[in-house]
PDB file of N, CA and C in Angstrom:
ATOM      1  N   MET A   1       0.819  -1.196   0.000  1.00  0.00           N
ATOM      2  CA  MET A   1       0.000   0.000   0.000  1.00  0.00           C
ATOM      3  C   MET A   1       0.866   1.264   0.000  1.00  0.00           C
ATOM      4  N   LYS A   2       1.965   1.231   0.773  1.00  0.00           N
ATOM      5  CA  LYS A   2       2.851   2.381   0.846  1.00  0.00           C
ATOM      6  C   LYS A   2       3.474   2.668  -0.516  1.00  0.00           C
ATOM      7  N   LYS A   3       3.861   1.610  -1.244  1.00  0.00           N
ATOM      8  CA  LYS A   3       4.460   1.778  -2.569  1.00  0.00           C
ATOM      9  C   LYS A   3       3.440   2.396  -3.527  1.00  0.00           C
ATOM     10  N   PHE A   4       2.178   1.951  -3.459  1.00  0.00           N
ATOM     11  CA  PHE A   4       1.121   2.496  -4.310  1.00  0.00           C
ATOM     12  C   PHE A   4       0.926   3.984  -4.025  1.00  0.00           C
ATOM     13  N   SER A   5       0.931   4.380  -2.758  1.00  0.00           N
ATOM     14  CA  SER A   5       0.755   5.783  -2.373  1.00  0.00           C
ATOM     15  C   SER A   5       1.882   6.648  -2.931  1.00  0.00           C
ATOM     16  N   SER A   6       3.108   6.142  -2.877  1.00  0.00           N
ATOM     17  CA  SER A   6       4.253   6.891  -3.396  1.00  0.00           C
ATOM     18  C   SER A   6       4.148   7.075  -4.903  1.00  0.00           C
ATOM     19  N   ILE A   7       3.794   6.017  -5.613  1.00  0.00           N
ATOM     20  CA  ILE A   7       3.650   6.091  -7.069  1.00  0.00           C
ATOM     21  C   ILE A   7       2.521   7.044  -7.432  1.00  0.00           C
ATOM     22  N   PHE A   8       1.400   6.962  -6.719  1.00  0.00           N
ATOM     23  CA  PHE A   8       0.268   7.846  -6.974  1.00  0.00           C
ATOM     24  C   PHE A   8       0.674   9.302  -6.773  1.00  0.00           C
ATOM     25  N   ALA A   9       1.429   9.588  -5.701  1.00  0.00           N
ATOM     26  CA  ALA A   9       1.869  10.956  -5.413  1.00  0.00           C
ATOM     27  C   ALA A   9       2.766  11.486  -6.527  1.00  0.00           C
ATOM     28  N   ILE A  10       3.685  10.660  -7.023  1.00  0.00           N
ATOM     29  CA  ILE A  10       4.584  11.074  -8.109  1.00  0.00           C
ATOM     30  C   ILE A  10       3.795  11.374  -9.378  1.00  0.00           C
ATOM     31  N   VAL A  11       2.856  10.486  -9.718  1.00  0.00           N
ATOM     32  CA  VAL A  11       2.024  10.687 -10.918  1.00  0.00           C
ATOM     33  C   VAL A  11       1.206  11.967 -10.776  1.00  0.00           C
ATOM     34  N   LEU A  12       0.636  12.213  -9.612  1.00  0.00           N
ATOM     35  CA  LEU A  12      -0.173  13.405  -9.381  1.00  0.00           C
ATOM     36  C   LEU A  12       0.667  14.676  -9.525  1.00  0.00           C
ATOM     37  N   VAL A  13       1.862  14.700  -8.954  1.00  0.00           N
ATOM     38  CA  VAL A  13       2.742  15.867  -9.064  1.00  0.00           C
ATOM     39  C   VAL A  13       3.118  16.118 -10.521  1.00  0.00           C
ATOM     40  N   CYS A  14       3.446  15.079 -11.264  1.00  0.00           N
ATOM     41  CA  CYS A  14       3.791  15.234 -12.681  1.00  0.00           C
ATOM     42  C   CYS A  14       2.611  15.779 -13.474  1.00  0.00           C
ATOM     43  N   PHE A  15       1.429  15.277 -13.198  1.00  0.00           N
ATOM     44  CA  PHE A  15       0.234  15.734 -13.898  1.00  0.00           C
ATOM     45  C   PHE A  15      -0.030  17.206 -13.612  1.00  0.00           C
ATOM     46  N   LEU A  16       0.015  17.583 -12.344  1.00  0.00           N
ATOM     47  CA  LEU A  16      -0.266  18.969 -11.977  1.00  0.00           C
ATOM     48  C   LEU A  16       0.787  19.916 -12.520  1.00  0.00           C
ATOM     49  N   SER A  17       2.052  19.522 -12.505  1.00  0.00           N
ATOM     50  CA  SER A  17       3.094  20.405 -13.023  1.00  0.00           C
ATOM     51  C   SER A  17       2.997  20.557 -14.538  1.00  0.00           C
ATOM     52  N   SER A  18       2.513  19.534 -15.235  1.00  0.00           N
ATOM     53  CA  SER A  18       2.379  19.643 -16.685  1.00  0.00           C
ATOM     54  C   SER A  18       1.208  20.527 -17.066  1.00  0.00           C
ATOM     55  N   CYS A  19       0.247  20.725 -16.168  1.00  0.00           N
ATOM     56  CA  CYS A  19      -0.913  21.564 -16.442  1.00  0.00           C
ATOM     57  C   CYS A  19      -0.663  23.028 -16.093  1.00  0.00           C
ATOM     58  N   ALA A  20       0.384  23.297 -15.374  1.00  0.00           N
ATOM     59  CA  ALA A  20       0.577  24.642 -14.828  1.00  0.00           C
ATOM     60  C   ALA A  20       1.233  25.577 -15.829  1.00  0.00           C
ATOM     61  N   GLY A  21       0.450  26.491 -16.403  1.00  0.00           N
ATOM     62  CA  GLY A  21       0.986  27.617 -17.120  1.00  0.00           C
ATOM     63  C   GLY A  21       1.441  27.465 -18.550  1.00  0.00           C
ATOM     64  N   THR A  22       1.426  26.309 -19.158  1.00  0.00           N
ATOM     65  CA  THR A  22       1.856  26.185 -20.536  1.00  0.00           C
ATOM     66  C   THR A  22       0.690  25.710 -21.386  1.00  0.00           C
ATOM     67  N   TYR A  23       0.214  26.602 -22.232  1.00  0.00           N
ATOM     68  CA  TYR A  23      -0.913  26.284 -23.108  1.00  0.00           C
ATOM     69  C   TYR A  23      -0.489  26.526 -24.539  1.00  0.00           C
ATOM     70  N   VAL A  24      -0.789  25.597 -25.413  1.00  0.00           N
ATOM     71  CA  VAL A  24      -0.398  25.694 -26.818  1.00  0.00           C
ATOM     72  C   VAL A  24      -1.636  26.008 -27.646  1.00  0.00           C
ATOM     73  N   VAL A  25      -1.506  26.988 -28.551  1.00  0.00           N
ATOM     74  CA  VAL A  25      -2.596  27.343 -29.466  1.00  0.00           C
ATOM     75  C   VAL A  25      -2.096  27.171 -30.891  1.00  0.00           C
ATOM     76  N   ARG A  26      -3.012  26.898 -31.815  1.00  0.00           N
ATOM     77  CA  ARG A  26      -2.611  26.685 -33.216  1.00  0.00           C
ATOM     78  C   ARG A  26      -2.034  27.932 -33.857  1.00  0.00           C
ATOM     79  N   GLU A  27      -2.688  29.069 -33.628  1.00  0.00           N
ATOM     80  CA  GLU A  27      -2.212  30.327 -34.192  1.00  0.00           C
ATOM     81  C   GLU A  27      -1.913  31.297 -33.067  1.00  0.00           C
ATOM     82  N   ARG A  28      -0.764  31.915 -33.156  1.00  0.00           N
ATOM     83  CA  ARG A  28      -0.435  32.885 -32.123  1.00  0.00           C
ATOM     84  C   ARG A  28      -1.250  34.143 -32.337  1.00  0.00           C
ATOM     85  N   PRO A  29      -1.666  34.792 -31.262  1.00  0.00           N
ATOM     86  CA  PRO A  29      -2.413  36.046 -31.402  1.00  0.00           C
ATOM     87  C   PRO A  29      -1.574  37.112 -32.108  1.00  0.00           C
ATOM     88  N   ALA A  30      -2.243  38.046 -32.738  1.00  0.00           N
ATOM     89  CA  ALA A  30      -1.551  39.141 -33.418  1.00  0.00           C
ATOM     90  C   ALA A  30      -0.794  39.988 -32.401  1.00  0.00           C
ATOM     91  N   ASP A  31       0.330  40.568 -32.842  1.00  0.00           N
ATOM     92  CA  ASP A  31       1.082  41.456 -31.963  1.00  0.00           C
ATOM     93  C   ASP A  31       0.214  42.633 -31.557  1.00  0.00           C
ATOM     94  N   VAL A  32       0.336  43.046 -30.309  1.00  0.00           N
ATOM     95  CA  VAL A  32      -0.408  44.186 -29.793  1.00  0.00           C
ATOM     96  C   VAL A  32       0.476  45.419 -29.931  1.00  0.00           C
ATOM     97  N   ILE A  33      -0.076  46.465 -30.536  1.00  0.00           N
ATOM     98  CA  ILE A  33       0.676  47.706 -30.717  1.00  0.00           C
ATOM     99  C   ILE A  33       0.006  48.792 -29.886  1.00  0.00           C
ATOM    100  N   TYR A  34       0.785  49.403 -29.022  1.00  0.00           N
ATOM    101  CA  TYR A  34       0.269  50.491 -28.200  1.00  0.00           C
ATOM    102  C   TYR A  34       1.430  51.410 -27.864  1.00  0.00           C
ATOM    103  N   SER A  35       1.122  52.627 -27.449  1.00  0.00           N
ATOM    104  CA  SER A  35       2.198  53.553 -27.100  1.00  0.00           C
ATOM    105  C   SER A  35       2.509  53.425 -25.615  1.00  0.00           C
ATOM    106  N   ARG A  36       3.779  53.369 -25.343  1.00  0.00           N
ATOM    107  CA  ARG A  36       4.254  53.242 -23.957  1.00  0.00           C
ATOM    108  C   ARG A  36       4.202  54.619 -23.298  1.00  0.00           C
ATOM    109  N   PRO A  37       3.608  54.725 -22.116  1.00  0.00           N
ATOM    110  CA  PRO A  37       3.588  56.023 -21.440  1.00  0.00           C
ATOM    111  C   PRO A  37       4.985  56.423 -20.973  1.00  0.00           C
ATOM    112  N   ALA A  38       5.166  57.704 -20.704  1.00  0.00           N
ATOM    113  CA  ALA A  38       6.455  58.203 -20.215  1.00  0.00           C
ATOM    114  C   ALA A  38       6.768  57.578 -18.851  1.00  0.00           C
ATOM    115  N   PRO A  39       8.052  57.349 -18.566  1.00  0.00           N
ATOM    116  CA  PRO A  39       8.416  56.778 -17.265  1.00  0.00           C
ATOM    117  C   PRO A  39       7.985  57.704 -16.134  1.00  0.00           C
ATOM    118  N   PRO A  40       7.430  57.141 -15.060  1.00  0.00           N
ATOM    119  CA  PRO A  40       6.935  57.966 -13.964  1.00  0.00           C
ATOM    120  C   PRO A  40       8.031  58.453 -13.013  1.00  0.00           C
ATOM    121  N   PHE A  41       9.238  57.864 -13.099  1.00  0.00           N
ATOM    122  CA  PHE A  41      10.336  58.263 -12.227  1.00  0.00           C
ATOM    123  C   PHE A  41      11.658  57.870 -12.869  1.00  0.00           C
ATOM    124  N   GLN A  42      12.735  58.486 -12.419  1.00  0.00           N
ATOM    125  CA  GLN A  42      14.080  58.227 -12.945  1.00  0.00           C
ATOM    126  C   GLN A  42      14.474  56.764 -12.719  1.00  0.00           C
ATOM    127  N   GLY A  43      14.999  56.092 -13.746  1.00  0.00           N
ATOM    128  CA  GLY A  43      15.474  54.714 -13.613  1.00  0.00           C
ATOM    129  C   GLY A  43      14.392  53.659 -13.685  1.00  0.00           C
ATOM    130  N   ALA A  44      13.171  54.055 -14.066  1.00  0.00           N
ATOM    131  CA  ALA A  44      12.079  53.074 -14.177  1.00  0.00           C
ATOM    132  C   ALA A  44      12.377  52.080 -15.302  1.00  0.00           C
ATOM    133  N   VAL A  45      11.942  50.844 -15.132  1.00  0.00           N
ATOM    134  CA  VAL A  45      12.131  49.783 -16.129  1.00  0.00           C
ATOM    135  C   VAL A  45      10.766  49.411 -16.686  1.00  0.00           C
ATOM    136  N   TRP A  46      10.669  49.355 -18.022  1.00  0.00           N
ATOM    137  CA  TRP A  46       9.416  48.978 -18.660  1.00  0.00           C
ATOM    138  C   TRP A  46       9.248  47.464 -18.598  1.00  0.00           C
ATOM    139  N   ILE A  47       8.142  47.011 -18.015  1.00  0.00           N
ATOM    140  CA  ILE A  47       7.783  45.595 -17.977  1.00  0.00           C
ATOM    141  C   ILE A  47       6.759  45.408 -19.076  1.00  0.00           C
ATOM    142  N   SER A  48       7.171  44.735 -20.119  1.00  0.00           N
ATOM    143  CA  SER A  48       6.321  44.597 -21.306  1.00  0.00           C
ATOM    144  C   SER A  48       5.012  43.887 -20.985  1.00  0.00           C
ATOM    145  N   GLY A  49       4.026  44.122 -21.846  1.00  0.00           N
ATOM    146  CA  GLY A  49       2.745  43.445 -21.690  1.00  0.00           C
ATOM    147  C   GLY A  49       2.917  41.936 -21.713  1.00  0.00           C
ATOM    148  N   ASN A  50       1.879  41.240 -21.287  1.00  0.00           N
ATOM    149  CA  ASN A  50       1.983  39.805 -21.111  1.00  0.00           C
ATOM    150  C   ASN A  50       0.695  39.122 -21.552  1.00  0.00           C
ATOM    151  N   TRP A  51       0.814  37.984 -22.178  1.00  0.00           N
ATOM    152  CA  TRP A  51      -0.349  37.174 -22.529  1.00  0.00           C
ATOM    153  C   TRP A  51      -0.622  36.220 -21.378  1.00  0.00           C
ATOM    154  N   ILE A  52      -1.846  36.214 -20.880  1.00  0.00           N
ATOM    155  CA  ILE A  52      -2.221  35.289 -19.811  1.00  0.00           C
ATOM    156  C   ILE A  52      -3.323  34.362 -20.316  1.00  0.00           C
ATOM    157  N   TRP A  53      -3.366  33.161 -19.792  1.00  0.00           N
ATOM    158  CA  TRP A  53      -4.371  32.171 -20.184  1.00  0.00           C
ATOM    159  C   TRP A  53      -5.616  32.382 -19.332  1.00  0.00           C
ATOM    160  N   MET A  54      -6.753  32.649 -19.987  1.00  0.00           N
ATOM    161  CA  MET A  54      -7.983  32.904 -19.256  1.00  0.00           C
ATOM    162  C   MET A  54      -9.176  32.421 -20.082  1.00  0.00           C
ATOM    163  N   ASN A  55     -10.014  31.606 -19.476  1.00  0.00           N
ATOM    164  CA  ASN A  55     -11.231  31.104 -20.128  1.00  0.00           C
ATOM    165  C   ASN A  55     -10.948  30.425 -21.469  1.00  0.00           C
ATOM    166  N   GLY A  56      -9.874  29.635 -21.518  1.00  0.00           N
ATOM    167  CA  GLY A  56      -9.577  28.845 -22.707  1.00  0.00           C
ATOM    168  C   GLY A  56      -8.908  29.587 -23.840  1.00  0.00           C
ATOM    169  N   ARG A  57      -8.352  30.778 -23.559  1.00  0.00           N
ATOM    170  CA  ARG A  57      -7.639  31.513 -24.606  1.00  0.00           C
ATOM    171  C   ARG A  57      -6.647  32.476 -23.970  1.00  0.00           C
ATOM    172  N   TYR A  58      -5.708  32.956 -24.794  1.00  0.00           N
ATOM    173  CA  TYR A  58      -4.762  33.949 -24.318  1.00  0.00           C
ATOM    174  C   TYR A  58      -5.398  35.332 -24.376  1.00  0.00           C
ATOM    175  N   VAL A  59      -5.192  36.104 -23.305  1.00  0.00           N
ATOM    176  CA  VAL A  59      -5.725  37.457 -23.186  1.00  0.00           C
ATOM    177  C   VAL A  59      -4.556  38.390 -22.884  1.00  0.00           C
ATOM    178  N   TRP A  60      -4.534  39.565 -23.539  1.00  0.00           N
ATOM    179  CA  TRP A  60      -3.442  40.516 -23.367  1.00  0.00           C
ATOM    180  C   TRP A  60      -3.593  41.319 -22.084  1.00  0.00           C
ATOM    181  N   ARG A  61      -2.517  41.452 -21.348  1.00  0.00           N
ATOM    182  CA  ARG A  61      -2.455  42.312 -20.166  1.00  0.00           C
ATOM    183  C   ARG A  61      -1.413  43.398 -20.456  1.00  0.00           C
ATOM    184  N   GLU A  62      -1.795  44.654 -20.307  1.00  0.00           N
ATOM    185  CA  GLU A  62      -0.921  45.783 -20.622  1.00  0.00           C
ATOM    186  C   GLU A  62       0.367  45.768 -19.796  1.00  0.00           C
ATOM    187  N   GLY A  63       1.411  46.381 -20.359  1.00  0.00           N
ATOM    188  CA  GLY A  63       2.672  46.522 -19.655  1.00  0.00           C
ATOM    189  C   GLY A  63       2.599  47.632 -18.613  1.00  0.00           C
ATOM    190  N   HIS A  64       3.672  47.781 -17.855  1.00  0.00           N
ATOM    191  CA  HIS A  64       3.717  48.816 -16.811  1.00  0.00           C
ATOM    192  C   HIS A  64       5.169  49.138 -16.461  1.00  0.00           C
ATOM    193  N   TRP A  65       5.368  50.264 -15.786  1.00  0.00           N
ATOM    194  CA  TRP A  65       6.685  50.651 -15.305  1.00  0.00           C
ATOM    195  C   TRP A  65       6.905  50.053 -13.913  1.00  0.00           C
ATOM    196  N   ASP A  66       8.147  49.673 -13.643  1.00  0.00           N
ATOM    197  CA  ASP A  66       8.478  49.082 -12.342  1.00  0.00           C
ATOM    198  C   ASP A  66       9.828  49.625 -11.891  1.00  0.00           C
ATOM    199  N   ARG A  67      10.147  49.391 -10.650  1.00  0.00           N
ATOM    200  CA  ARG A  67      11.454  49.792 -10.127  1.00  0.00           C
ATOM    201  C   ARG A  67      12.522  48.791 -10.556  1.00  0.00           C
ATOM    202  N   ARG A  68      13.699  49.316 -10.853  1.00  0.00           N
ATOM    203  CA  ARG A  68      14.843  48.465 -11.218  1.00  0.00           C
ATOM    204  C   ARG A  68      15.196  47.588 -10.016  1.00  0.00           C
ATOM    205  N   ARG A  69      15.590  46.353 -10.298  1.00  0.00           N
ATOM    206  CA  ARG A  69      16.025  45.435  -9.238  1.00  0.00           C
ATOM    207  C   ARG A  69      17.536  45.252  -9.361  1.00  0.00           C
ATOM    208  N   ASP A  70      18.247  45.630  -8.327  1.00  0.00           N
ATOM    209  CA  ASP A  70      19.711  45.522  -8.355  1.00  0.00           C
ATOM    210  C   ASP A  70      20.129  44.083  -8.620  1.00  0.00           C
ATOM    211  N   GLY A  71      21.045  43.917  -9.575  1.00  0.00           N
ATOM    212  CA  GLY A  71      21.566  42.593  -9.883  1.00  0.00           C
ATOM    213  C   GLY A  71      20.683  41.772 -10.800  1.00  0.00           C
ATOM    214  N   TYR A  72      19.585  42.363 -11.311  1.00  0.00           N
ATOM    215  CA  TYR A  72      18.667  41.644 -12.196  1.00  0.00           C
ATOM    216  C   TYR A  72      18.447  42.429 -13.477  1.00  0.00           C
ATOM    217  N   ARG A  73      18.070  41.731 -14.516  1.00  0.00           N
ATOM    218  CA  ARG A  73      17.703  42.356 -15.785  1.00  0.00           C
ATOM    219  C   ARG A  73      16.365  41.751 -16.218  1.00  0.00           C
ATOM    220  N   TRP A  74      15.526  42.552 -16.871  1.00  0.00           N
ATOM    221  CA  TRP A  74      14.218  42.105 -17.322  1.00  0.00           C
ATOM    222  C   TRP A  74      14.333  41.482 -18.715  1.00  0.00           C
ATOM    223  N   HIS A  75      13.801  40.276 -18.885  1.00  0.00           N
ATOM    224  CA  HIS A  75      13.728  39.607 -20.184  1.00  0.00           C
ATOM    225  C   HIS A  75      12.267  39.611 -20.610  1.00  0.00           C
ATOM    226  N   GLU A  76      11.992  40.171 -21.794  1.00  0.00           N
ATOM    227  CA  GLU A  76      10.615  40.263 -22.269  1.00  0.00           C
ATOM    228  C   GLU A  76      10.063  38.886 -22.624  1.00  0.00           C
ATOM    229  N   GLY A  77       8.745  38.746 -22.500  1.00  0.00           N
ATOM    230  CA  GLY A  77       8.085  37.518 -22.901  1.00  0.00           C
ATOM    231  C   GLY A  77       8.107  37.373 -24.416  1.00  0.00           C
ATOM    232  N   HIS A  78       7.890  36.156 -24.895  1.00  0.00           N
ATOM    233  CA  HIS A  78       7.906  35.923 -26.343  1.00  0.00           C
ATOM    234  C   HIS A  78       7.123  34.654 -26.687  1.00  0.00           C
ATOM    235  N   TRP A  79       6.703  34.577 -27.931  1.00  0.00           N
ATOM    236  CA  TRP A  79       6.039  33.380 -28.444  1.00  0.00           C
ATOM    237  C   TRP A  79       7.091  32.420 -28.961  1.00  0.00           C
ATOM    238  N   GLU A  80       6.868  31.124 -28.743  1.00  0.00           N
ATOM    239  CA  GLU A  80       7.765  30.131 -29.330  1.00  0.00           C
ATOM    240  C   GLU A  80       6.946  28.985 -29.909  1.00  0.00           C
ATOM    241  N   ALA A  81       7.438  28.455 -31.019  1.00  0.00           N
ATOM    242  CA  ALA A  81       6.765  27.331 -31.674  1.00  0.00           C
ATOM    243  C   ALA A  81       6.862  26.107 -30.784  1.00  0.00           C
ATOM    244  N   SER A  82       5.745  25.341 -30.689  1.00  0.00           N
ATOM    245  CA  SER A  82       5.730  24.182 -29.812  1.00  0.00           C
ATOM    246  C   SER A  82       4.649  23.197 -30.222  1.00  0.00           C
ATOM    247  N   HIS A  83       5.013  21.980 -30.500  1.00  0.00           N
ATOM    248  CA  HIS A  83       4.067  20.892 -30.763  1.00  0.00           C
ATOM    249  C   HIS A  83       2.956  21.280 -31.753  1.00  0.00           C
ATOM    250  N   GLY A  84       3.335  21.795 -32.908  1.00  0.00           N
ATOM    251  CA  GLY A  84       2.349  22.137 -33.931  1.00  0.00           C
ATOM    252  C   GLY A  84       1.559  23.393 -33.630  1.00  0.00           C
ATOM    253  N   GLY A  85       2.035  24.207 -32.690  1.00  0.00           N
ATOM    254  CA  GLY A  85       1.336  25.433 -32.346  1.00  0.00           C
ATOM    255  C   GLY A  85       2.294  26.437 -31.729  1.00  0.00           C
ATOM    256  N   TRP A  86       1.752  27.302 -30.902  1.00  0.00           N
ATOM    257  CA  TRP A  86       2.525  28.353 -30.261  1.00  0.00           C
ATOM    258  C   TRP A  86       2.224  28.391 -28.772  1.00  0.00           C
ATOM    259  N   ARG A  87       3.240  28.692 -27.970  1.00  0.00           N
ATOM    260  CA  ARG A  87       3.016  28.898 -26.546  1.00  0.00           C
ATOM    261  C   ARG A  87       3.748  30.168 -26.121  1.00  0.00           C
ATOM    262  N   TRP A  88       3.215  30.830 -25.125  1.00  0.00           N
ATOM    263  CA  TRP A  88       3.769  32.077 -24.615  1.00  0.00           C
ATOM    264  C   TRP A  88       4.742  31.786 -23.486  1.00  0.00           C
ATOM    265  N   ARG A  89       5.922  32.359 -23.583  1.00  0.00           N
ATOM    266  CA  ARG A  89       6.918  32.304 -22.513  1.00  0.00           C
ATOM    267  C   ARG A  89       6.905  33.667 -21.837  1.00  0.00           C
ATOM    268  N   PRO A  90       6.394  33.764 -20.610  1.00  0.00           N
ATOM    269  CA  PRO A  90       6.268  35.062 -19.952  1.00  0.00           C
ATOM    270  C   PRO A  90       7.611  35.730 -19.679  1.00  0.00           C
ATOM    271  N   GLY A  91       7.576  37.059 -19.597  1.00  0.00           N
ATOM    272  CA  GLY A  91       8.763  37.810 -19.217  1.00  0.00           C
ATOM    273  C   GLY A  91       9.129  37.503 -17.775  1.00  0.00           C
ATOM    274  N   HIS A  92      10.394  37.758 -17.435  1.00  0.00           N
ATOM    275  CA  HIS A  92      10.850  37.460 -16.076  1.00  0.00           C
ATOM    276  C   HIS A  92      12.110  38.233 -15.751  1.00  0.00           C
ATOM    277  N   TRP A  93      12.357  38.424 -14.475  1.00  0.00           N
ATOM    278  CA  TRP A  93      13.603  39.014 -13.993  1.00  0.00           C
ATOM    279  C   TRP A  93      14.646  37.897 -13.921  1.00  0.00           C
ATOM    280  N   GLU A  94      15.865  38.216 -14.358  1.00  0.00           N
ATOM    281  CA  GLU A  94      16.941  37.222 -14.309  1.00  0.00           C
ATOM    282  C   GLU A  94      18.178  37.855 -13.688  1.00  0.00           C
ATOM    283  N   ARG A  95      18.785  37.113 -12.797  1.00  0.00           N
ATOM    284  CA  ARG A  95      20.005  37.601 -12.144  1.00  0.00           C
ATOM    285  C   ARG A  95      21.142  37.588 -13.152  1.00  0.00           C
ATOM    286  N   PHE A  96      21.990  38.630 -13.105  1.00  0.00           N
ATOM    287  CA  PHE A  96      23.173  38.640 -13.978  1.00  0.00           C
ATOM    288  C   PHE A  96      24.435  38.758 -13.165  1.00  0.00           C
TER     289      PHE A  96
END
């Protein structure tokens, strides 16, 4: 019984992690074009807009200005080809 519980737990974790955040669509949404507002303060970093998965489709969320993080750089999100379709890779802060 203990062995079955361990195997079940591993399968459940793999299933849940494969469902988290990666959705593939046949056609990528059109690029969103908008004007970026002026920075609200000195040294502000533009955090580009982001596609989020909502109600079975990708929905655009506008970008915003944020404070610079010491030792980090912002990498913009991008579309990448995947399994006969497209998936969104969100932007993120990366240590340098």
